[in-house]
Every structure is written in structure tokens, then in C-alpha cells.
N, C-alpha and C. Protein backbone atom coordinates (compact mmCIF):
# COMPACT_ATOMS: atom_id res chain seq x y z
N MET A 1 13.38 -28.49 10.88
CA MET A 1 12.48 -28.51 9.88
C MET A 1 11.15 -28.76 10.77
N GLU A 2 11.09 -29.84 11.72
CA GLU A 2 9.90 -30.18 12.33
C GLU A 2 9.39 -28.91 13.20
N LYS A 3 10.22 -28.22 13.84
CA LYS A 3 9.78 -27.03 14.61
C LYS A 3 9.15 -26.03 14.05
N ILE A 4 9.38 -25.80 12.55
CA ILE A 4 8.71 -24.72 12.08
C ILE A 4 7.25 -25.22 11.67
N TYR A 5 7.19 -26.54 11.27
CA TYR A 5 5.86 -26.95 10.91
C TYR A 5 4.75 -27.29 11.95
N SER A 6 5.34 -27.59 12.99
CA SER A 6 4.61 -28.00 14.27
C SER A 6 4.00 -26.72 15.18
N GLU A 7 4.44 -25.47 14.63
CA GLU A 7 3.90 -24.30 15.35
C GLU A 7 2.49 -23.85 14.99
N GLU A 8 1.68 -23.45 15.72
CA GLU A 8 0.35 -23.15 15.62
C GLU A 8 0.40 -21.70 14.73
N PRO A 9 -0.26 -21.82 13.51
CA PRO A 9 -0.29 -20.34 13.00
C PRO A 9 -0.71 -19.29 13.63
N LYS A 10 -0.13 -18.06 13.69
CA LYS A 10 -0.66 -16.80 14.19
C LYS A 10 -1.95 -16.38 13.70
N VAL A 11 -2.77 -15.70 14.68
CA VAL A 11 -4.21 -15.45 14.06
C VAL A 11 -3.95 -14.04 13.67
N CYS A 12 -4.22 -13.58 12.45
CA CYS A 12 -4.06 -12.27 11.97
C CYS A 12 -5.17 -11.29 12.32
N ARG A 13 -4.96 -10.22 12.55
CA ARG A 13 -5.83 -9.36 12.93
C ARG A 13 -6.29 -8.20 11.98
N ILE A 14 -7.54 -7.85 11.55
CA ILE A 14 -7.88 -7.04 10.51
C ILE A 14 -7.51 -5.38 10.98
N ALA A 15 -6.61 -4.86 10.22
CA ALA A 15 -6.32 -3.40 10.47
C ALA A 15 -7.70 -2.36 10.08
N SER A 16 -7.65 -1.49 10.98
CA SER A 16 -8.80 -0.43 10.46
C SER A 16 -8.27 0.98 10.51
N ALA A 17 -8.73 1.67 9.62
CA ALA A 17 -7.94 3.17 9.42
C ALA A 17 -9.06 4.08 9.76
N LYS A 18 -8.51 5.23 10.31
CA LYS A 18 -9.65 6.37 10.39
C LYS A 18 -10.28 6.87 9.00
N PRO A 19 -11.38 7.56 9.06
CA PRO A 19 -11.83 8.00 7.82
C PRO A 19 -10.84 9.23 7.22
N GLU A 20 -10.35 9.90 8.06
CA GLU A 20 -9.20 10.98 7.66
C GLU A 20 -8.16 10.45 6.90
N THR A 21 -7.57 9.17 7.32
CA THR A 21 -6.62 8.52 6.62
C THR A 21 -7.17 7.96 5.29
N VAL A 22 -8.13 7.58 5.18
CA VAL A 22 -8.87 6.82 3.82
C VAL A 22 -8.75 8.08 3.14
N GLN A 23 -9.49 9.29 3.33
CA GLN A 23 -9.52 10.27 2.47
C GLN A 23 -8.22 10.78 2.06
N PHE A 24 -7.10 11.23 3.01
CA PHE A 24 -5.99 11.34 2.63
C PHE A 24 -5.34 10.59 1.41
N LEU A 25 -5.41 9.26 1.60
CA LEU A 25 -4.73 8.44 0.72
C LEU A 25 -5.67 8.50 -0.66
N LEU A 26 -6.72 8.48 -0.56
CA LEU A 26 -7.43 8.69 -1.96
C LEU A 26 -7.12 10.00 -2.68
N GLY A 27 -7.16 11.08 -1.73
CA GLY A 27 -6.75 12.44 -2.45
C GLY A 27 -5.45 12.35 -3.27
N PHE A 28 -4.44 11.69 -2.51
CA PHE A 28 -3.03 11.44 -2.79
C PHE A 28 -3.08 10.72 -4.17
N SER A 29 -3.93 9.47 -4.13
CA SER A 29 -3.87 8.74 -5.30
C SER A 29 -4.36 9.23 -6.40
N LYS A 30 -5.34 10.57 -6.33
CA LYS A 30 -6.03 10.99 -7.53
C LYS A 30 -4.96 12.00 -8.18
N SER A 31 -4.01 12.61 -7.11
CA SER A 31 -3.34 13.40 -7.56
C SER A 31 -1.91 12.92 -8.27
N LEU A 32 -1.61 11.87 -7.92
CA LEU A 32 -0.29 11.11 -8.47
C LEU A 32 -0.65 10.69 -9.84
N LYS A 33 0.58 11.21 -10.69
CA LYS A 33 0.53 11.00 -12.33
C LYS A 33 1.67 10.25 -12.54
N VAL A 34 1.68 9.05 -13.17
CA VAL A 34 2.88 8.69 -13.53
C VAL A 34 2.97 8.34 -14.98
N ILE A 35 4.23 8.84 -15.58
CA ILE A 35 4.37 8.85 -17.09
C ILE A 35 5.55 8.06 -17.19
N ASN A 36 5.38 7.19 -18.19
CA ASN A 36 6.31 6.08 -18.97
C ASN A 36 6.77 6.66 -20.18
N TYR A 37 8.27 6.94 -20.26
CA TYR A 37 8.95 7.31 -21.31
C TYR A 37 10.00 6.46 -21.63
N ASP A 38 10.17 5.77 -22.82
CA ASP A 38 11.04 4.58 -22.97
C ASP A 38 11.25 3.90 -21.82
N ASN A 39 12.62 3.77 -21.33
CA ASN A 39 12.72 2.85 -20.27
C ASN A 39 12.80 3.56 -18.68
N MET A 40 12.07 4.63 -18.80
CA MET A 40 12.17 5.62 -17.65
C MET A 40 10.54 5.73 -17.19
N GLN A 41 10.60 6.01 -15.81
CA GLN A 41 9.18 6.22 -15.20
C GLN A 41 9.29 7.62 -14.41
N PHE A 42 8.42 8.30 -14.61
CA PHE A 42 8.41 9.55 -13.97
C PHE A 42 7.34 9.70 -13.18
N GLU A 43 7.16 10.15 -11.68
CA GLU A 43 6.04 10.35 -10.96
C GLU A 43 6.02 11.84 -10.38
N THR A 44 4.78 12.15 -10.60
CA THR A 44 4.48 13.53 -10.20
C THR A 44 3.29 13.86 -9.52
N VAL A 45 3.39 14.75 -8.56
CA VAL A 45 2.05 14.89 -7.62
C VAL A 45 1.55 16.22 -8.42
N LEU A 46 0.31 16.30 -8.68
CA LEU A 46 -0.41 17.44 -9.25
C LEU A 46 -1.19 17.91 -8.16
N ASN A 47 -0.80 19.41 -7.91
CA ASN A 47 -1.16 20.22 -6.80
C ASN A 47 -2.12 21.11 -7.66
């Protein structure tokens, strides 16, 4: 237990994305449609 808490925390680095990646993800999220019906969930991609 002592070994776990005595270690120095690792430094996190901030990830960066290319503008093309961001545009792709935004476009995909705009086209994704989620429909809930009773206890089921349907996901469709509208093209």
C-alpha cells in the first residue's frame, strides 16, 4: 500500500487534434440520430 501512494503522479499532456479530425467528428455527430422506443435504443446515421 505504501508503494502505491509514495509514487509521484504522472504528468498528463494535453492532446491536440487536427482540424480535419474535428470537422469529421462534428459532421458525424450532426448526422447521428438516436431513437428510444420502449426499452430499446436505435442509432442511425443520416446521410
